[in-house]
Amino acid sequence: MAARKAARAMARAAAVPVSGDEEWYEAAGLMVEATWHAGEAAGLSPLEGRPNCQAHLRHLMDGEIPQR
């Protein structure tokens, strides 16, 4: 299930037209979501070893990253 969610998030990110900052942040957020689900599918903690993704998520969500 998590692998399918990751694939869907990657497909949505690929469909975002990247022509400006707003679109870039949308695509980046979707890729963070894909990375999150891919980690779940691999049995890892959310975004373990992915400091750039963690920083992006903290900035967008203005909070902490939930742990397993």
C-alpha atoms as a PDB file:
ATOM      1  CA  MET A   1       0.000   0.000   0.000  1.00  0.00           C
ATOM      2  CA  ALA A   2       2.774   2.466   0.925  1.00  0.00           C
ATOM      3  CA  ALA A   3       4.642   1.729  -2.307  1.00  0.00           C
ATOM      4  CA  ARG A   4       1.502   2.529  -4.305  1.00  0.00           C
ATOM      5  CA  LYS A   5       1.072   5.791  -2.397  1.00  0.00           C
ATOM      6  CA  ALA A   6       4.687   6.683  -3.186  1.00  0.00           C
ATOM      7  CA  ALA A   7       4.163   5.951  -6.881  1.00  0.00           C
ATOM      8  CA  ARG A   8       1.002   8.083  -6.987  1.00  0.00           C
ATOM      9  CA  ALA A   9       2.776  10.988  -5.259  1.00  0.00           C
ATOM     10  CA  MET A  10       5.656  10.773  -7.767  1.00  0.00           C
ATOM     11  CA  ALA A  11       3.177  10.792 -10.652  1.00  0.00           C
ATOM     12  CA  ARG A  12       1.428  13.872  -9.234  1.00  0.00           C
ATOM     13  CA  ALA A  13       4.804  15.611  -8.774  1.00  0.00           C
ATOM     14  CA  ALA A  14       5.780  14.829 -12.356  1.00  0.00           C
ATOM     15  CA  ALA A  15       2.533  16.381 -13.611  1.00  0.00           C
ATOM     16  CA  VAL A  16       3.141  19.746 -11.898  1.00  0.00           C
ATOM     17  CA  PRO A  17       4.274  22.349 -14.455  1.00  0.00           C
ATOM     18  CA  VAL A  18       7.436  23.837 -12.951  1.00  0.00           C
ATOM     19  CA  SER A  19       7.429  27.429 -14.138  1.00  0.00           C
ATOM     20  CA  GLY A  20       7.855  29.317 -10.888  1.00  0.00           C
ATOM     21  CA  ASP A  21       8.530  29.078  -7.186  1.00  0.00           C
ATOM     22  CA  GLU A  22       4.970  28.179  -6.228  1.00  0.00           C
ATOM     23  CA  GLU A  23       4.898  25.214  -8.588  1.00  0.00           C
ATOM     24  CA  TRP A  24       8.383  24.147  -7.506  1.00  0.00           C
ATOM     25  CA  TYR A  25       7.300  24.031  -3.850  1.00  0.00           C
ATOM     26  CA  GLU A  26       4.211  22.034  -4.785  1.00  0.00           C
ATOM     27  CA  ALA A  27       6.312  19.492  -6.697  1.00  0.00           C
ATOM     28  CA  ALA A  28       8.900  19.356  -3.906  1.00  0.00           C
ATOM     29  CA  GLY A  29       6.177  18.735  -1.344  1.00  0.00           C
ATOM     30  CA  LEU A  30       4.811  15.868  -3.416  1.00  0.00           C
ATOM     31  CA  MET A  31       8.285  14.358  -3.692  1.00  0.00           C
ATOM     32  CA  VAL A  32       8.677  14.571   0.092  1.00  0.00           C
ATOM     33  CA  GLU A  33       5.368  12.708   0.345  1.00  0.00           C
ATOM     34  CA  ALA A  34       6.676  10.099  -2.097  1.00  0.00           C
ATOM     35  CA  THR A  35       9.876   9.725  -0.078  1.00  0.00           C
ATOM     36  CA  TRP A  36       7.831   9.353   3.110  1.00  0.00           C
ATOM     37  CA  HIS A  37       5.723   6.525   1.647  1.00  0.00           C
ATOM     38  CA  ALA A  38       8.745   4.847   0.065  1.00  0.00           C
ATOM     39  CA  GLY A  39      10.427   4.785   3.483  1.00  0.00           C
ATOM     40  CA  GLU A  40       7.283   3.270   4.979  1.00  0.00           C
ATOM     41  CA  ALA A  41       7.265   0.616   2.271  1.00  0.00           C
ATOM     42  CA  ALA A  42      10.897  -0.199   3.107  1.00  0.00           C
ATOM     43  CA  GLY A  43      10.106  -0.413   6.824  1.00  0.00           C
ATOM     44  CA  LEU A  44      12.084   2.709   7.784  1.00  0.00           C
ATOM     45  CA  SER A  45      11.140   5.570  10.078  1.00  0.00           C
ATOM     46  CA  PRO A  46       9.592   8.507   8.194  1.00  0.00           C
ATOM     47  CA  LEU A  47      12.281  10.384   6.247  1.00  0.00           C
ATOM     48  CA  GLU A  48      15.120   8.687   8.141  1.00  0.00           C
ATOM     49  CA  GLY A  49      18.427   9.969   6.779  1.00  0.00           C
ATOM     50  CA  ARG A  50      16.712  12.613   4.638  1.00  0.00           C
ATOM     51  CA  PRO A  51      17.564  15.966   6.284  1.00  0.00           C
ATOM     52  CA  ASN A  52      16.528  18.019   3.222  1.00  0.00           C
ATOM     53  CA  CYS A  53      13.111  16.372   3.157  1.00  0.00           C
ATOM     54  CA  GLN A  54      12.744  16.831   6.913  1.00  0.00           C
ATOM     55  CA  ALA A  55      13.583  20.535   6.629  1.00  0.00           C
ATOM     56  CA  HIS A  56      11.119  20.994   3.750  1.00  0.00           C
ATOM     57  CA  LEU A  57       8.356  19.249   5.672  1.00  0.00           C
ATOM     58  CA  ARG A  58       9.038  21.225   8.860  1.00  0.00           C
ATOM     59  CA  HIS A  59       8.984  24.485   6.887  1.00  0.00           C
ATOM     60  CA  LEU A  60       5.727  23.667   5.100  1.00  0.00           C
ATOM     61  CA  MET A  61       3.955  21.990   7.983  1.00  0.00           C
ATOM     62  CA  ASP A  62       5.377  24.266  10.689  1.00  0.00           C
ATOM     63  CA  GLY A  63       5.762  21.420  13.103  1.00  0.00           C
ATOM     64  CA  GLU A  64       7.384  18.160  13.953  1.00  0.00           C
ATOM     65  CA  ILE A  65       7.723  15.086  11.816  1.00  0.00           C
ATOM     66  CA  PRO A  66       5.729  12.243  13.361  1.00  0.00           C
ATOM     67  CA  GLN A  67       7.697   9.137  14.203  1.00  0.00           C
ATOM     68  CA  ARG A  68       6.474   5.565  13.927  1.00  0.00           C
END
